[in-house]
N, C-alpha and C. Protein backbone atom coordinates (compact mmCIF):
# COMPACT_ATOMS: atom_id res chain seq x y z
N MET A 1 -44.15 -105.03 18.79
CA MET A 1 -43.47 -104.49 17.60
C MET A 1 -42.21 -105.17 17.38
N TRP A 2 -41.89 -105.45 16.02
CA TRP A 2 -40.84 -106.15 15.51
C TRP A 2 -39.54 -105.00 15.60
N ASN A 3 -38.46 -105.50 16.04
CA ASN A 3 -37.35 -104.49 15.81
C ASN A 3 -36.12 -105.23 15.14
N GLY A 4 -35.50 -104.66 14.43
CA GLY A 4 -34.30 -105.25 13.71
C GLY A 4 -33.40 -104.17 13.14
N LYS A 5 -32.35 -104.72 12.45
CA LYS A 5 -31.41 -103.66 11.98
C LYS A 5 -30.93 -104.31 10.67
N VAL A 6 -30.52 -103.30 9.55
CA VAL A 6 -29.98 -103.87 8.30
C VAL A 6 -28.53 -103.89 8.47
N GLU A 7 -27.90 -105.00 8.25
CA GLU A 7 -26.42 -105.01 8.38
C GLU A 7 -25.72 -105.11 7.17
N LEU A 8 -26.34 -105.55 5.96
CA LEU A 8 -25.80 -105.48 4.68
C LEU A 8 -26.86 -105.20 3.57
N ILE A 9 -26.42 -104.40 2.61
CA ILE A 9 -27.48 -104.23 1.48
C ILE A 9 -26.50 -104.64 0.21
N TYR A 10 -27.17 -105.53 -0.60
CA TYR A 10 -26.60 -105.97 -1.81
C TYR A 10 -27.55 -105.74 -2.89
N ILE A 11 -26.96 -105.38 -4.18
CA ILE A 11 -27.76 -105.22 -5.24
C ILE A 11 -26.97 -105.88 -6.55
N ALA A 12 -27.90 -105.98 -7.55
CA ALA A 12 -27.17 -106.46 -8.75
C ALA A 12 -27.93 -105.84 -10.04
N ALA A 13 -27.20 -105.49 -10.92
CA ALA A 13 -27.83 -104.72 -12.01
C ALA A 13 -28.49 -105.61 -13.15
N ALA A 14 -28.19 -106.95 -12.95
CA ALA A 14 -28.78 -107.84 -14.00
C ALA A 14 -29.10 -109.20 -13.50
N ALA A 15 -30.01 -109.83 -14.02
CA ALA A 15 -30.46 -111.28 -13.36
C ALA A 15 -29.17 -112.07 -13.52
N GLN A 16 -29.08 -112.74 -12.29
CA GLN A 16 -27.98 -113.72 -12.29
C GLN A 16 -26.46 -112.97 -12.30
N GLY A 17 -26.53 -111.58 -12.13
CA GLY A 17 -25.42 -110.88 -12.21
C GLY A 17 -24.67 -110.94 -10.84
N PRO A 18 -23.48 -110.29 -10.74
CA PRO A 18 -22.71 -110.36 -9.65
C PRO A 18 -23.26 -109.30 -8.65
N MET A 19 -23.59 -109.61 -7.32
CA MET A 19 -23.98 -108.84 -6.25
C MET A 19 -22.91 -107.76 -5.96
N GLN A 20 -23.52 -106.64 -5.56
CA GLN A 20 -22.62 -105.45 -5.24
C GLN A 20 -22.90 -105.04 -3.69
N ALA A 21 -22.02 -104.94 -2.66
CA ALA A 21 -22.52 -104.49 -1.58
C ALA A 21 -22.51 -102.82 -1.55
N VAL A 22 -23.48 -102.34 -1.09
CA VAL A 22 -23.44 -100.85 -1.10
C VAL A 22 -23.70 -100.39 0.38
N ALA A 23 -23.31 -99.07 0.70
CA ALA A 23 -23.41 -98.75 2.20
C ALA A 23 -24.66 -98.13 2.24
N GLU A 24 -25.48 -97.86 1.25
CA GLU A 24 -26.91 -97.26 1.42
C GLU A 24 -27.47 -97.37 0.07
N ALA A 25 -28.86 -97.34 0.20
CA ALA A 25 -29.57 -97.56 -1.00
C ALA A 25 -30.83 -96.68 -1.00
N VAL A 26 -31.42 -96.26 -2.09
CA VAL A 26 -32.60 -95.52 -2.23
C VAL A 26 -33.71 -96.45 -2.67
N ALA A 27 -34.74 -96.54 -1.70
CA ALA A 27 -35.90 -97.37 -1.88
C ALA A 27 -36.91 -96.51 -2.79
N ILE A 28 -37.21 -97.16 -3.95
CA ILE A 28 -38.43 -96.54 -4.73
C ILE A 28 -39.78 -97.35 -4.50
N PRO A 29 -40.62 -96.70 -4.13
CA PRO A 29 -41.74 -97.24 -3.70
C PRO A 29 -42.67 -97.97 -4.84
N GLY A 30 -43.03 -99.28 -4.85
CA GLY A 30 -43.45 -99.80 -5.79
C GLY A 30 -42.50 -100.35 -7.03
N GLU A 31 -41.33 -100.20 -6.63
CA GLU A 31 -40.21 -100.49 -7.78
C GLU A 31 -39.22 -101.43 -7.17
N GLY A 32 -38.55 -101.04 -6.12
CA GLY A 32 -37.35 -101.60 -5.47
C GLY A 32 -36.28 -100.84 -5.13
N LEU A 33 -35.09 -101.34 -5.22
CA LEU A 33 -33.92 -100.40 -4.78
C LEU A 33 -33.34 -99.88 -5.98
N ALA A 34 -32.91 -98.43 -6.01
CA ALA A 34 -32.35 -97.86 -7.16
C ALA A 34 -31.11 -98.55 -7.58
N GLY A 35 -31.12 -98.97 -8.91
CA GLY A 35 -29.76 -99.56 -9.23
C GLY A 35 -29.98 -101.21 -9.36
N ASP A 36 -30.88 -101.62 -8.61
CA ASP A 36 -31.16 -103.23 -8.46
C ASP A 36 -31.88 -103.59 -9.70
N ARG A 37 -31.71 -104.85 -10.08
CA ARG A 37 -32.25 -105.50 -11.21
C ARG A 37 -33.75 -105.61 -11.17
N TYR A 38 -34.41 -105.58 -10.01
CA TYR A 38 -35.85 -105.48 -9.96
C TYR A 38 -36.46 -104.10 -10.34
N ALA A 39 -35.90 -103.14 -9.80
CA ALA A 39 -36.11 -101.67 -10.07
C ALA A 39 -35.84 -101.58 -11.57
N LEU A 40 -35.00 -102.15 -12.10
CA LEU A 40 -34.61 -101.92 -13.65
C LEU A 40 -35.45 -102.99 -14.48
N LYS A 41 -36.42 -103.77 -13.78
CA LYS A 41 -37.31 -104.76 -14.33
C LYS A 41 -36.51 -105.81 -15.25
N LEU A 42 -35.23 -106.25 -14.52
CA LEU A 42 -34.57 -107.17 -15.37
C LEU A 42 -34.37 -108.37 -14.34
N GLY A 43 -34.89 -108.49 -13.27
CA GLY A 43 -34.66 -109.62 -12.17
C GLY A 43 -35.26 -110.89 -12.86
N THR A 44 -34.65 -112.02 -12.46
CA THR A 44 -35.24 -113.19 -12.56
C THR A 44 -36.56 -113.72 -12.50
N PHE A 45 -37.17 -113.06 -11.24
CA PHE A 45 -38.60 -113.19 -10.84
C PHE A 45 -39.49 -112.09 -11.24
N TYR A 46 -39.05 -111.09 -12.14
CA TYR A 46 -39.77 -110.04 -12.43
C TYR A 46 -40.88 -110.37 -13.34
N LYS A 47 -42.00 -110.00 -13.05
CA LYS A 47 -43.26 -110.35 -13.87
C LYS A 47 -44.03 -109.11 -14.08
N PRO A 48 -44.08 -108.57 -15.38
CA PRO A 48 -44.73 -107.39 -15.68
C PRO A 48 -46.13 -107.62 -15.48
N GLU A 49 -46.82 -106.33 -15.01
CA GLU A 49 -48.20 -106.58 -14.94
C GLU A 49 -48.86 -106.32 -16.17
N PRO A 50 -50.13 -106.85 -16.23
CA PRO A 50 -50.70 -106.50 -17.59
C PRO A 50 -50.98 -105.22 -17.86
N ASP A 51 -51.25 -104.88 -19.18
CA ASP A 51 -51.63 -103.49 -19.52
C ASP A 51 -53.02 -103.29 -19.06
């Protein structure tokens, strides 16, 4: 089994926006981290799924 630890968490509210260090984050299944560009569907590599 692999073991590790999270040392830093960074999120950004917009694609290519400034990163912000956070002490904790809420992970939303199938979405990403609350407040991050990918959870907000604004990330550079975000690709919407077909309807």
